[in-house]
């Protein structure tokens, strides 16, 4: 498992997982974050609730799933997203591929695969 400064700053792998997932995908849900980062679902959900209470993220319901994304109205969220972006940009391509192995959005029909 790759560790970043986010883990040290926010005190745990769950916070790091939530922030990196939201930065990478734009929106995500607890079980996907838990699966990608091999962190317990309970820890991820607690962290998502903390970020939601602070106003950094917002959640919407899609069926039975709560989908979380950055709060577009929050200045704190903008700064947190910028900080996460600095850490994310410092990760190598191999690290990003190991952290986010699953593609969640469909590819364009004739788009070539770049490796």
PDB file of N, CA and C in Angstrom:
ATOM      1  N   UNK A   1       0.835  -1.180   0.000  1.00  0.00           N
ATOM      2  CA  UNK A   1       0.000   0.000   0.000  1.00  0.00           C
ATOM      3  C   UNK A   1       0.879   1.243   0.000  1.00  0.00           C
ATOM      4  N   UNK A   2       0.572   2.168  -0.845  1.00  0.00           N
ATOM      5  CA  UNK A   2       1.311   3.406  -0.967  1.00  0.00           C
ATOM      6  C   UNK A   2       0.804   4.383   0.091  1.00  0.00           C
ATOM      7  N   UNK A   3       1.723   5.020   0.795  1.00  0.00           N
ATOM      8  CA  UNK A   3       1.359   5.994   1.810  1.00  0.00           C
ATOM      9  C   UNK A   3       1.766   7.383   1.336  1.00  0.00           C
ATOM     10  N   UNK A   4       0.906   8.353   1.558  1.00  0.00           N
ATOM     11  CA  UNK A   4       1.196   9.726   1.158  1.00  0.00           C
ATOM     12  C   UNK A   4       1.145  10.638   2.371  1.00  0.00           C
ATOM     13  N   UNK A   5       1.470  11.891   2.168  1.00  0.00           N
ATOM     14  CA  UNK A   5       1.419  12.881   3.245  1.00  0.00           C
ATOM     15  C   UNK A   5       0.001  13.085   3.750  1.00  0.00           C
ATOM     16  N   UNK A   6      -1.006  12.762   2.934  1.00  0.00           N
ATOM     17  CA  UNK A   6      -2.399  12.913   3.372  1.00  0.00           C
ATOM     18  C   UNK A   6      -2.687  12.024   4.573  1.00  0.00           C
ATOM     19  N   UNK A   7      -2.092  10.843   4.581  1.00  0.00           N
ATOM     20  CA  UNK A   7      -2.292   9.932   5.697  1.00  0.00           C
ATOM     21  C   UNK A   7      -1.722  10.542   6.973  1.00  0.00           C
ATOM     22  N   UNK A   8      -0.566  11.170   6.882  1.00  0.00           N
ATOM     23  CA  UNK A   8       0.038  11.802   8.055  1.00  0.00           C
ATOM     24  C   UNK A   8      -0.740  13.046   8.487  1.00  0.00           C
ATOM     25  N   UNK A   9      -1.199  13.825   7.535  1.00  0.00           N
ATOM     26  CA  UNK A   9      -1.914  15.061   7.852  1.00  0.00           C
ATOM     27  C   UNK A   9      -3.276  14.815   8.484  1.00  0.00           C
ATOM     28  N   UNK A  10      -4.002  13.824   7.967  1.00  0.00           N
ATOM     29  CA  UNK A  10      -5.376  13.602   8.420  1.00  0.00           C
ATOM     30  C   UNK A  10      -5.534  12.412   9.352  1.00  0.00           C
ATOM     31  N   UNK A  11      -4.421  11.745   9.659  1.00  0.00           N
ATOM     32  CA  UNK A  11      -4.447  10.741  10.706  1.00  0.00           C
ATOM     33  C   UNK A  11      -4.948   9.370  10.340  1.00  0.00           C
ATOM     34  N   UNK A  12      -4.924   8.995   9.095  1.00  0.00           N
ATOM     35  CA  UNK A  12      -5.326   7.637   8.785  1.00  0.00           C
ATOM     36  C   UNK A  12      -5.458   7.346   7.311  1.00  0.00           C
ATOM     37  N   UNK A  13      -5.504   6.049   7.017  1.00  0.00           N
ATOM     38  CA  UNK A  13      -5.617   5.603   5.635  1.00  0.00           C
ATOM     39  C   UNK A  13      -6.990   5.900   5.051  1.00  0.00           C
ATOM     40  N   UNK A  14      -8.017   5.906   5.888  1.00  0.00           N
ATOM     41  CA  UNK A  14      -9.367   6.145   5.377  1.00  0.00           C
ATOM     42  C   UNK A  14      -9.489   7.561   4.819  1.00  0.00           C
ATOM     43  N   UNK A  15      -8.940   8.534   5.515  1.00  0.00           N
ATOM     44  CA  UNK A  15      -8.987   9.921   5.038  1.00  0.00           C
ATOM     45  C   UNK A  15      -8.218  10.055   3.732  1.00  0.00           C
ATOM     46  N   UNK A  16      -7.049   9.444   3.679  1.00  0.00           N
ATOM     47  CA  UNK A  16      -6.241   9.460   2.466  1.00  0.00           C
ATOM     48  C   UNK A  16      -7.009   8.829   1.300  1.00  0.00           C
ATOM     49  N   UNK A  17      -7.641   7.693   1.566  1.00  0.00           N
ATOM     50  CA  UNK A  17      -8.393   6.984   0.532  1.00  0.00           C
ATOM     51  C   UNK A  17      -9.550   7.827   0.008  1.00  0.00           C
ATOM     52  N   UNK A  18     -10.288   8.459   0.915  1.00  0.00           N
ATOM     53  CA  UNK A  18     -11.434   9.281   0.520  1.00  0.00           C
ATOM     54  C   UNK A  18     -10.977  10.450  -0.341  1.00  0.00           C
ATOM     55  N   UNK A  19      -9.967  11.164   0.110  1.00  0.00           N
ATOM     56  CA  UNK A  19      -9.512  12.354  -0.622  1.00  0.00           C
ATOM     57  C   UNK A  19      -8.951  11.997  -1.990  1.00  0.00           C
ATOM     58  N   UNK A  20      -8.114  10.969  -2.069  1.00  0.00           N
ATOM     59  CA  UNK A  20      -7.545  10.589  -3.366  1.00  0.00           C
ATOM     60  C   UNK A  20      -8.614  10.074  -4.329  1.00  0.00           C
ATOM     61  N   UNK A  21      -9.578   9.323  -3.809  1.00  0.00           N
ATOM     62  CA  UNK A  21     -10.652   8.822  -4.678  1.00  0.00           C
ATOM     63  C   UNK A  21     -11.504   9.955  -5.220  1.00  0.00           C
ATOM     64  N   UNK A  22     -11.859  10.887  -4.341  1.00  0.00           N
ATOM     65  CA  UNK A  22     -12.667  12.019  -4.807  1.00  0.00           C
ATOM     66  C   UNK A  22     -11.891  12.854  -5.820  1.00  0.00           C
ATOM     67  N   UNK A  23     -10.602  13.012  -5.610  1.00  0.00           N
ATOM     68  CA  UNK A  23      -9.816  13.785  -6.566  1.00  0.00           C
ATOM     69  C   UNK A  23      -9.712  13.049  -7.898  1.00  0.00           C
ATOM     70  N   UNK A  24      -9.463  11.755  -7.860  1.00  0.00           N
ATOM     71  CA  UNK A  24      -9.273  10.972  -9.088  1.00  0.00           C
ATOM     72  C   UNK A  24     -10.567  10.819  -9.890  1.00  0.00           C
ATOM     73  N   UNK A  25     -11.641  10.436  -9.223  1.00  0.00           N
ATOM     74  CA  UNK A  25     -12.893  10.145  -9.917  1.00  0.00           C
ATOM     75  C   UNK A  25     -13.866  11.328  -9.968  1.00  0.00           C
ATOM     76  N   UNK A  26     -13.704  12.304  -9.086  1.00  0.00           N
ATOM     77  CA  UNK A  26     -14.649  13.413  -9.025  1.00  0.00           C
ATOM     78  C   UNK A  26     -15.807  13.121  -8.085  1.00  0.00           C
ATOM     79  N   UNK A  27     -16.239  11.881  -8.060  1.00  0.00           N
ATOM     80  CA  UNK A  27     -17.269  11.420  -7.121  1.00  0.00           C
ATOM     81  C   UNK A  27     -17.061   9.938  -6.893  1.00  0.00           C
ATOM     82  N   UNK A  28     -17.482   9.465  -5.740  1.00  0.00           N
ATOM     83  CA  UNK A  28     -17.315   8.050  -5.435  1.00  0.00           C
ATOM     84  C   UNK A  28     -18.261   7.674  -4.298  1.00  0.00           C
ATOM     85  N   UNK A  29     -18.258   6.416  -3.946  1.00  0.00           N
ATOM     86  CA  UNK A  29     -19.101   5.920  -2.866  1.00  0.00           C
ATOM     87  C   UNK A  29     -18.260   5.033  -1.957  1.00  0.00           C
ATOM     88  N   UNK A  30     -18.740   4.834  -0.754  1.00  0.00           N
ATOM     89  CA  UNK A  30     -17.967   4.184   0.282  1.00  0.00           C
ATOM     90  C   UNK A  30     -17.400   2.823  -0.068  1.00  0.00           C
ATOM     91  N   UNK A  31     -18.219   1.953  -0.608  1.00  0.00           N
ATOM     92  CA  UNK A  31     -17.757   0.590  -0.888  1.00  0.00           C
ATOM     93  C   UNK A  31     -16.657   0.574  -1.949  1.00  0.00           C
ATOM     94  N   UNK A  32     -16.748   1.430  -2.948  1.00  0.00           N
ATOM     95  CA  UNK A  32     -15.712   1.484  -3.984  1.00  0.00           C
ATOM     96  C   UNK A  32     -14.388   1.969  -3.397  1.00  0.00           C
ATOM     97  N   UNK A  33     -14.451   2.980  -2.539  1.00  0.00           N
ATOM     98  CA  UNK A  33     -13.232   3.492  -1.906  1.00  0.00           C
ATOM     99  C   UNK A  33     -12.626   2.408  -1.025  1.00  0.00           C
ATOM    100  N   UNK A  34     -13.463   1.744  -0.263  1.00  0.00           N
ATOM    101  CA  UNK A  34     -13.021   0.671   0.618  1.00  0.00           C
ATOM    102  C   UNK A  34     -12.335  -0.436  -0.176  1.00  0.00           C
ATOM    103  N   UNK A  35     -12.899  -0.822  -1.282  1.00  0.00           N
ATOM    104  CA  UNK A  35     -12.362  -1.888  -2.116  1.00  0.00           C
ATOM    105  C   UNK A  35     -11.044  -1.469  -2.773  1.00  0.00           C
ATOM    106  N   UNK A  36     -10.981  -0.257  -3.317  1.00  0.00           N
ATOM    107  CA  UNK A  36      -9.771   0.206  -4.009  1.00  0.00           C
ATOM    108  C   UNK A  36      -8.575   0.300  -3.074  1.00  0.00           C
ATOM    109  N   UNK A  37      -8.792   0.780  -1.848  1.00  0.00           N
ATOM    110  CA  UNK A  37      -7.690   1.041  -0.939  1.00  0.00           C
ATOM    111  C   UNK A  37      -7.524  -0.020   0.144  1.00  0.00           C
ATOM    112  N   UNK A  38      -8.365  -1.061   0.131  1.00  0.00           N
ATOM    113  CA  UNK A  38      -8.305  -2.131   1.113  1.00  0.00           C
ATOM    114  C   UNK A  38      -8.373  -1.567   2.543  1.00  0.00           C
ATOM    115  N   UNK A  39      -9.368  -0.705   2.747  1.00  0.00           N
ATOM    116  CA  UNK A  39      -9.640  -0.094   4.045  1.00  0.00           C
ATOM    117  C   UNK A  39     -11.049  -0.537   4.432  1.00  0.00           C
ATOM    118  N   UNK A  40     -11.290  -0.696   5.717  1.00  0.00           N
ATOM    119  CA  UNK A  40     -12.614  -1.169   6.135  1.00  0.00           C
ATOM    120  C   UNK A  40     -13.704  -0.174   5.721  1.00  0.00           C
ATOM    121  N   UNK A  41     -14.827  -0.714   5.332  1.00  0.00           N
ATOM    122  CA  UNK A  41     -15.953   0.111   4.898  1.00  0.00           C
ATOM    123  C   UNK A  41     -16.415   1.039   6.013  1.00  0.00           C
ATOM    124  N   UNK A  42     -16.419   0.548   7.241  1.00  0.00           N
ATOM    125  CA  UNK A  42     -16.846   1.357   8.380  1.00  0.00           C
ATOM    126  C   UNK A  42     -15.949   2.594   8.542  1.00  0.00           C
ATOM    127  N   UNK A  43     -14.650   2.414   8.415  1.00  0.00           N
ATOM    128  CA  UNK A  43     -13.714   3.541   8.549  1.00  0.00           C
ATOM    129  C   UNK A  43     -13.923   4.553   7.430  1.00  0.00           C
ATOM    130  N   UNK A  44     -14.152   4.073   6.225  1.00  0.00           N
ATOM    131  CA  UNK A  44     -14.381   4.970   5.080  1.00  0.00           C
ATOM    132  C   UNK A  44     -15.678   5.752   5.282  1.00  0.00           C
ATOM    133  N   UNK A  45     -16.743   5.076   5.715  1.00  0.00           N
ATOM    134  CA  UNK A  45     -18.014   5.762   5.929  1.00  0.00           C
ATOM    135  C   UNK A  45     -17.927   6.793   7.044  1.00  0.00           C
ATOM    136  N   UNK A  46     -17.198   6.485   8.108  1.00  0.00           N
ATOM    137  CA  UNK A  46     -16.999   7.471   9.177  1.00  0.00           C
ATOM    138  C   UNK A  46     -16.260   8.694   8.642  1.00  0.00           C
ATOM    139  N   UNK A  47     -15.243   8.470   7.833  1.00  0.00           N
ATOM    140  CA  UNK A  47     -14.478   9.586   7.286  1.00  0.00           C
ATOM    141  C   UNK A  47     -15.327  10.404   6.317  1.00  0.00           C
ATOM    142  N   UNK A  48     -16.116   9.759   5.492  1.00  0.00           N
ATOM    143  CA  UNK A  48     -17.013  10.485   4.585  1.00  0.00           C
ATOM    144  C   UNK A  48     -17.999  11.338   5.382  1.00  0.00           C
ATOM    145  N   UNK A  49     -18.520  10.806   6.477  1.00  0.00           N
ATOM    146  CA  UNK A  49     -19.433  11.579   7.337  1.00  0.00           C
ATOM    147  C   UNK A  49     -18.735  12.787   7.948  1.00  0.00           C
ATOM    148  N   UNK A  50     -17.485  12.622   8.357  1.00  0.00           N
ATOM    149  CA  UNK A  50     -16.730  13.754   8.916  1.00  0.00           C
ATOM    150  C   UNK A  50     -16.539  14.848   7.872  1.00  0.00           C
ATOM    151  N   UNK A  51     -16.140  14.457   6.680  1.00  0.00           N
ATOM    152  CA  UNK A  51     -15.941  15.451   5.619  1.00  0.00           C
ATOM    153  C   UNK A  51     -17.260  16.111   5.230  1.00  0.00           C
ATOM    154  N   UNK A  52     -18.348  15.358   5.283  1.00  0.00           N
ATOM    155  CA  UNK A  52     -19.652  15.946   4.969  1.00  0.00           C
ATOM    156  C   UNK A  52     -20.077  16.936   6.060  1.00  0.00           C
ATOM    157  N   UNK A  53     -19.877  16.577   7.328  1.00  0.00           N
ATOM    158  CA  UNK A  53     -20.207  17.498   8.420  1.00  0.00           C
ATOM    159  C   UNK A  53     -19.390  18.783   8.351  1.00  0.00           C
ATOM    160  N   UNK A  54     -18.149  18.685   7.889  1.00  0.00           N
ATOM    161  CA  UNK A  54     -17.298  19.869   7.789  1.00  0.00           C
ATOM    162  C   UNK A  54     -17.655  20.734   6.583  1.00  0.00           C
ATOM    163  N   UNK A  55     -18.458  20.188   5.668  1.00  0.00           N
ATOM    164  CA  UNK A  55     -18.868  20.938   4.488  1.00  0.00           C
ATOM    165  C   UNK A  55     -17.946  20.767   3.302  1.00  0.00           C
ATOM    166  N   UNK A  56     -16.930  19.916   3.415  1.00  0.00           N
ATOM    167  CA  UNK A  56     -15.980  19.722   2.317  1.00  0.00           C
ATOM    168  C   UNK A  56     -16.568  18.865   1.200  1.00  0.00           C
ATOM    169  N   UNK A  57     -17.432  17.926   1.547  1.00  0.00           N
ATOM    170  CA  UNK A  57     -18.064  17.074   0.541  1.00  0.00           C
ATOM    171  C   UNK A  57     -19.575  17.107   0.714  1.00  0.00           C
ATOM    172  N   UNK A  58     -20.263  16.779  -0.343  1.00  0.00           N
ATOM    173  CA  UNK A  58     -21.717  16.647  -0.317  1.00  0.00           C
ATOM    174  C   UNK A  58     -22.072  15.258  -0.817  1.00  0.00           C
ATOM    175  N   UNK A  59     -23.253  14.818  -0.468  1.00  0.00           N
ATOM    176  CA  UNK A  59     -23.652  13.492  -0.906  1.00  0.00           C
ATOM    177  C   UNK A  59     -25.028  13.549  -1.551  1.00  0.00           C
ATOM    178  N   UNK A  60     -25.235  12.667  -2.492  1.00  0.00           N
ATOM    179  CA  UNK A  60     -26.542  12.530  -3.135  1.00  0.00           C
ATOM    180  C   UNK A  60     -26.856  11.049  -3.205  1.00  0.00           C
ATOM    181  N   UNK A  61     -28.112  10.754  -3.232  1.00  0.00           N
ATOM    182  CA  UNK A  61     -28.559   9.367  -3.274  1.00  0.00           C
ATOM    183  C   UNK A  61     -28.823   8.944  -4.720  1.00  0.00           C
ATOM    184  N   UNK A  62     -28.202   7.838  -5.115  1.00  0.00           N
ATOM    185  CA  UNK A  62     -28.486   7.223  -6.410  1.00  0.00           C
ATOM    186  C   UNK A  62     -28.965   5.813  -6.119  1.00  0.00           C
ATOM    187  N   UNK A  63     -30.278   5.638  -6.148  1.00  0.00           N
ATOM    188  CA  UNK A  63     -30.855   4.369  -5.737  1.00  0.00           C
ATOM    189  C   UNK A  63     -30.655   4.196  -4.248  1.00  0.00           C
ATOM    190  N   UNK A  64     -29.970   3.116  -3.851  1.00  0.00           N
ATOM    191  CA  UNK A  64     -29.676   2.886  -2.434  1.00  0.00           C
ATOM    192  C   UNK A  64     -28.278   3.343  -2.061  1.00  0.00           C
ATOM    193  N   UNK A  65     -27.529   3.862  -3.021  1.00  0.00           N
ATOM    194  CA  UNK A  65     -26.131   4.227  -2.808  1.00  0.00           C
ATOM    195  C   UNK A  65     -25.984   5.716  -2.553  1.00  0.00           C
ATOM    196  N   UNK A  66     -25.171   6.076  -1.562  1.00  0.00           N
ATOM    197  CA  UNK A  66     -24.831   7.474  -1.314  1.00  0.00           C
ATOM    198  C   UNK A  66     -23.544   7.786  -2.071  1.00  0.00           C
ATOM    199  N   UNK A  67     -23.627   8.721  -2.995  1.00  0.00           N
ATOM    200  CA  UNK A  67     -22.475   9.103  -3.819  1.00  0.00           C
ATOM    201  C   UNK A  67     -21.964  10.454  -3.320  1.00  0.00           C
ATOM    202  N   UNK A  68     -20.679  10.510  -3.029  1.00  0.00           N
ATOM    203  CA  UNK A  68     -20.062  11.712  -2.463  1.00  0.00           C
ATOM    204  C   UNK A  68     -19.230  12.425  -3.514  1.00  0.00           C
ATOM    205  N   UNK A  69     -19.223  13.758  -3.438  1.00  0.00           N
ATOM    206  CA  UNK A  69     -18.402  14.576  -4.329  1.00  0.00           C
ATOM    207  C   UNK A  69     -17.978  15.832  -3.575  1.00  0.00           C
ATOM    208  N   UNK A  70     -17.037  16.571  -4.164  1.00  0.00           N
ATOM    209  CA  UNK A  70     -16.593  17.825  -3.551  1.00  0.00           C
ATOM    210  C   UNK A  70     -17.764  18.800  -3.493  1.00  0.00           C
ATOM    211  N   UNK A  71     -17.818  19.603  -2.448  1.00  0.00           N
ATOM    212  CA  UNK A  71     -18.852  20.617  -2.309  1.00  0.00           C
ATOM    213  C   UNK A  71     -18.444  21.840  -3.139  1.00  0.00           C
ATOM    214  N   UNK A  72     -19.158  22.144  -4.225  1.00  0.00           N
ATOM    215  CA  UNK A  72     -18.756  23.254  -5.095  1.00  0.00           C
ATOM    216  C   UNK A  72     -18.926  24.629  -4.442  1.00  0.00           C
ATOM    217  N   UNK A  73     -19.697  24.706  -3.363  1.00  0.00           N
ATOM    218  CA  UNK A  73     -19.947  25.992  -2.707  1.00  0.00           C
ATOM    219  C   UNK A  73     -18.989  26.269  -1.553  1.00  0.00           C
ATOM    220  N   UNK A  74     -18.148  25.322  -1.226  1.00  0.00           N
ATOM    221  CA  UNK A  74     -17.286  25.445  -0.055  1.00  0.00           C
ATOM    222  C   UNK A  74     -15.877  25.878  -0.434  1.00  0.00           C
ATOM    223  N   UNK A  75     -15.392  26.924   0.224  1.00  0.00           N
ATOM    224  CA  UNK A  75     -14.014  27.364   0.010  1.00  0.00           C
ATOM    225  C   UNK A  75     -13.040  26.369   0.635  1.00  0.00           C
ATOM    226  N   UNK A  76     -13.453  25.742   1.731  1.00  0.00           N
ATOM    227  CA  UNK A  76     -12.618  24.727   2.366  1.00  0.00           C
ATOM    228  C   UNK A  76     -12.417  23.551   1.408  1.00  0.00           C
ATOM    229  N   UNK A  77     -13.485  23.143   0.739  1.00  0.00           N
ATOM    230  CA  UNK A  77     -13.387  22.033  -0.203  1.00  0.00           C
ATOM    231  C   UNK A  77     -12.432  22.374  -1.335  1.00  0.00           C
ATOM    232  N   UNK A  78     -12.472  23.602  -1.813  1.00  0.00           N
ATOM    233  CA  UNK A  78     -11.578  24.004  -2.896  1.00  0.00           C
ATOM    234  C   UNK A  78     -10.122  23.913  -2.458  1.00  0.00           C
ATOM    235  N   UNK A  79      -9.821  24.360  -1.244  1.00  0.00           N
ATOM    236  CA  UNK A  79      -8.449  24.303  -0.740  1.00  0.00           C
ATOM    237  C   UNK A  79      -8.019  22.860  -0.484  1.00  0.00           C
ATOM    238  N   UNK A  80      -8.930  22.062   0.039  1.00  0.00           N
ATOM    239  CA  UNK A  80      -8.629  20.663   0.302  1.00  0.00           C
ATOM    240  C   UNK A  80      -8.393  19.910  -1.009  1.00  0.00           C
ATOM    241  N   UNK A  81      -9.190  20.215  -2.012  1.00  0.00           N
ATOM    242  CA  UNK A  81      -9.007  19.612  -3.336  1.00  0.00           C
ATOM    243  C   UNK A  81      -7.655  20.022  -3.921  1.00  0.00           C
ATOM    244  N   UNK A  82      -7.261  21.289  -3.742  1.00  0.00           N
ATOM    245  CA  UNK A  82      -5.958  21.750  -4.231  1.00  0.00           C
ATOM    246  C   UNK A  82      -4.814  21.014  -3.530  1.00  0.00           C
ATOM    247  N   UNK A  83      -4.919  20.859  -2.208  1.00  0.00           N
ATOM    248  CA  UNK A  83      -3.900  20.136  -1.453  1.00  0.00           C
ATOM    249  C   UNK A  83      -3.816  18.681  -1.915  1.00  0.00           C
ATOM    250  N   UNK A  84      -4.966  18.065  -2.093  1.00  0.00           N
ATOM    251  CA  UNK A  84      -4.996  16.683  -2.565  1.00  0.00           C
ATOM    252  C   UNK A  84      -4.398  16.589  -3.968  1.00  0.00           C
ATOM    253  N   UNK A  85      -4.647  17.597  -4.795  1.00  0.00           N
ATOM    254  CA  UNK A  85      -4.080  17.620  -6.143  1.00  0.00           C
ATOM    255  C   UNK A  85      -2.570  17.668  -6.144  1.00  0.00           C
ATOM    256  N   UNK A  86      -1.985  18.397  -5.207  1.00  0.00           N
ATOM    257  CA  UNK A  86      -0.523  18.462  -5.108  1.00  0.00           C
ATOM    258  C   UNK A  86       0.038  17.075  -4.788  1.00  0.00           C
ATOM    259  N   UNK A  87      -0.584  16.391  -3.845  1.00  0.00           N
ATOM    260  CA  UNK A  87      -0.140  15.035  -3.476  1.00  0.00           C
ATOM    261  C   UNK A  87      -0.368  14.079  -4.643  1.00  0.00           C
ATOM    262  N   UNK A  88      -1.529  14.162  -5.280  1.00  0.00           N
ATOM    263  CA  UNK A  88      -1.890  13.271  -6.390  1.00  0.00           C
ATOM    264  C   UNK A  88      -0.912  13.457  -7.553  1.00  0.00           C
ATOM    265  N   UNK A  89      -0.577  14.703  -7.868  1.00  0.00           N
ATOM    266  CA  UNK A  89       0.346  14.963  -8.977  1.00  0.00           C
ATOM    267  C   UNK A  89       1.748  14.452  -8.683  1.00  0.00           C
ATOM    268  N   UNK A  90       2.095  14.313  -7.414  1.00  0.00           N
ATOM    269  CA  UNK A  90       3.403  13.798  -7.040  1.00  0.00           C
ATOM    270  C   UNK A  90       3.507  12.286  -7.135  1.00  0.00           C
ATOM    271  N   UNK A  91       2.383  11.617  -7.265  1.00  0.00           N
ATOM    272  CA  UNK A  91       2.402  10.158  -7.417  1.00  0.00           C
ATOM    273  C   UNK A  91       2.851   9.795  -8.824  1.00  0.00           C
ATOM    274  N   UNK A  92       3.602   8.738  -8.946  1.00  0.00           N
ATOM    275  CA  UNK A  92       4.008   8.258 -10.260  1.00  0.00           C
ATOM    276  C   UNK A  92       2.865   7.534 -10.954  1.00  0.00           C
ATOM    277  N   UNK A  93       3.044   7.286 -12.236  1.00  0.00           N
ATOM    278  CA  UNK A  93       2.009   6.596 -13.011  1.00  0.00           C
ATOM    279  C   UNK A  93       1.754   5.192 -12.466  1.00  0.00           C
ATOM    280  N   UNK A  94       2.812   4.493 -12.055  1.00  0.00           N
ATOM    281  CA  UNK A  94       2.644   3.143 -11.508  1.00  0.00           C
ATOM    282  C   UNK A  94       1.833   3.181 -10.214  1.00  0.00           C
ATOM    283  N   UNK A  95       2.089   4.184  -9.382  1.00  0.00           N
ATOM    284  CA  UNK A  95       1.347   4.313  -8.125  1.00  0.00           C
ATOM    285  C   UNK A  95      -0.126   4.583  -8.401  1.00  0.00           C
ATOM    286  N   UNK A  96      -0.408   5.449  -9.354  1.00  0.00           N
ATOM    287  CA  UNK A  96      -1.806   5.739  -9.686  1.00  0.00           C
ATOM    288  C   UNK A  96      -2.506   4.506 -10.232  1.00  0.00           C
ATOM    289  N   UNK A  97      -1.801   3.733 -11.064  1.00  0.00           N
ATOM    290  CA  UNK A  97      -2.420   2.533 -11.617  1.00  0.00           C
ATOM    291  C   UNK A  97      -2.665   1.481 -10.541  1.00  0.00           C
ATOM    292  N   UNK A  98      -1.789   1.414  -9.541  1.00  0.00           N
ATOM    293  CA  UNK A  98      -2.004   0.427  -8.479  1.00  0.00           C
ATOM    294  C   UNK A  98      -3.109   0.881  -7.517  1.00  0.00           C
ATOM    295  N   UNK A  99      -3.246   2.202  -7.313  1.00  0.00           N
ATOM    296  CA  UNK A  99      -4.300   2.698  -6.430  1.00  0.00           C
ATOM    297  C   UNK A  99      -5.671   2.663  -7.089  1.00  0.00           C
ATOM    298  N   UNK A 100      -5.718   2.905  -8.383  1.00  0.00           N
ATOM    299  CA  UNK A 100      -6.993   2.987  -9.105  1.00  0.00           C
ATOM    300  C   UNK A 100      -6.986   2.016 -10.289  1.00  0.00           C
ATOM    301  N   UNK A 101      -7.024   0.702  -9.990  1.00  0.00           N
ATOM    302  CA  UNK A 101      -6.904  -0.281 -11.069  1.00  0.00           C
ATOM    303  C   UNK A 101      -8.165  -0.412 -11.930  1.00  0.00           C
ATOM    304  N   UNK A 102      -9.303  -0.054 -11.396  1.00  0.00           N
ATOM    305  CA  UNK A 102     -10.564  -0.271 -12.091  1.00  0.00           C
ATOM    306  C   UNK A 102     -11.028   1.003 -12.783  1.00  0.00           C
ATOM    307  N   UNK A 103     -11.365   0.879 -14.046  1.00  0.00           N
ATOM    308  CA  UNK A 103     -11.890   2.015 -14.794  1.00  0.00           C
ATOM    309  C   UNK A 103     -13.394   2.068 -14.572  1.00  0.00           C
ATOM    310  N   UNK A 104     -13.901   3.210 -14.104  1.00  0.00           N
ATOM    311  CA  UNK A 104     -15.315   3.309 -13.746  1.00  0.00           C
ATOM    312  C   UNK A 104     -16.155   4.022 -14.787  1.00  0.00           C
ATOM    313  N   UNK A 105     -15.518   4.635 -15.762  1.00  0.00           N
ATOM    314  CA  UNK A 105     -16.289   5.321 -16.791  1.00  0.00           C
ATOM    315  C   UNK A 105     -16.058   4.629 -18.119  1.00  0.00           C
ATOM    316  N   UNK A 106     -17.087   4.557 -18.958  1.00  0.00           N
ATOM    317  CA  UNK A 106     -16.923   3.862 -20.237  1.00  0.00           C
ATOM    318  C   UNK A 106     -15.976   4.608 -21.168  1.00  0.00           C
ATOM    319  N   UNK A 107     -15.279   3.858 -21.986  1.00  0.00           N
ATOM    320  CA  UNK A 107     -14.377   4.443 -22.975  1.00  0.00           C
ATOM    321  C   UNK A 107     -15.176   4.834 -24.209  1.00  0.00           C
ATOM    322  N   UNK A 108     -14.649   5.816 -24.930  1.00  0.00           N
ATOM    323  CA  UNK A 108     -15.245   6.177 -26.209  1.00  0.00           C
ATOM    324  C   UNK A 108     -15.080   4.991 -27.167  1.00  0.00           C
ATOM    325  N   UNK A 109     -15.957   4.848 -28.104  1.00  0.00           N
ATOM    326  CA  UNK A 109     -16.010   3.675 -28.967  1.00  0.00           C
ATOM    327  C   UNK A 109     -14.683   3.410 -29.695  1.00  0.00           C
ATOM    328  N   UNK A 110     -14.108   4.396 -30.321  1.00  0.00           N
ATOM    329  CA  UNK A 110     -12.893   4.179 -31.122  1.00  0.00           C
ATOM    330  C   UNK A 110     -11.649   4.770 -30.486  1.00  0.00           C
ATOM    331  N   UNK A 111     -11.682   5.043 -29.201  1.00  0.00           N
ATOM    332  CA  UNK A 111     -10.532   5.645 -28.533  1.00  0.00           C
ATOM    333  C   UNK A 111      -9.452   4.579 -28.313  1.00  0.00           C
ATOM    334  N   UNK A 112      -8.212   4.873 -28.692  1.00  0.00           N
ATOM    335  CA  UNK A 112      -7.148   3.870 -28.499  1.00  0.00           C
ATOM    336  C   UNK A 112      -6.763   3.763 -27.034  1.00  0.00           C
ATOM    337  N   UNK A 113      -6.273   2.600 -26.628  1.00  0.00           N
ATOM    338  CA  UNK A 113      -5.820   2.375 -25.277  1.00  0.00           C
ATOM    339  C   UNK A 113      -4.349   2.765 -25.222  1.00  0.00           C
ATOM    340  N   UNK A 114      -4.010   3.699 -24.348  1.00  0.00           N
ATOM    341  CA  UNK A 114      -2.628   4.141 -24.199  1.00  0.00           C
ATOM    342  C   UNK A 114      -2.056   3.486 -22.966  1.00  0.00           C
ATOM    343  N   UNK A 115      -0.940   2.826 -23.109  1.00  0.00           N
ATOM    344  CA  UNK A 115      -0.308   2.132 -21.959  1.00  0.00           C
ATOM    345  C   UNK A 115       1.062   2.649 -21.714  1.00  0.00           C
TER     346      UNK A 115
END
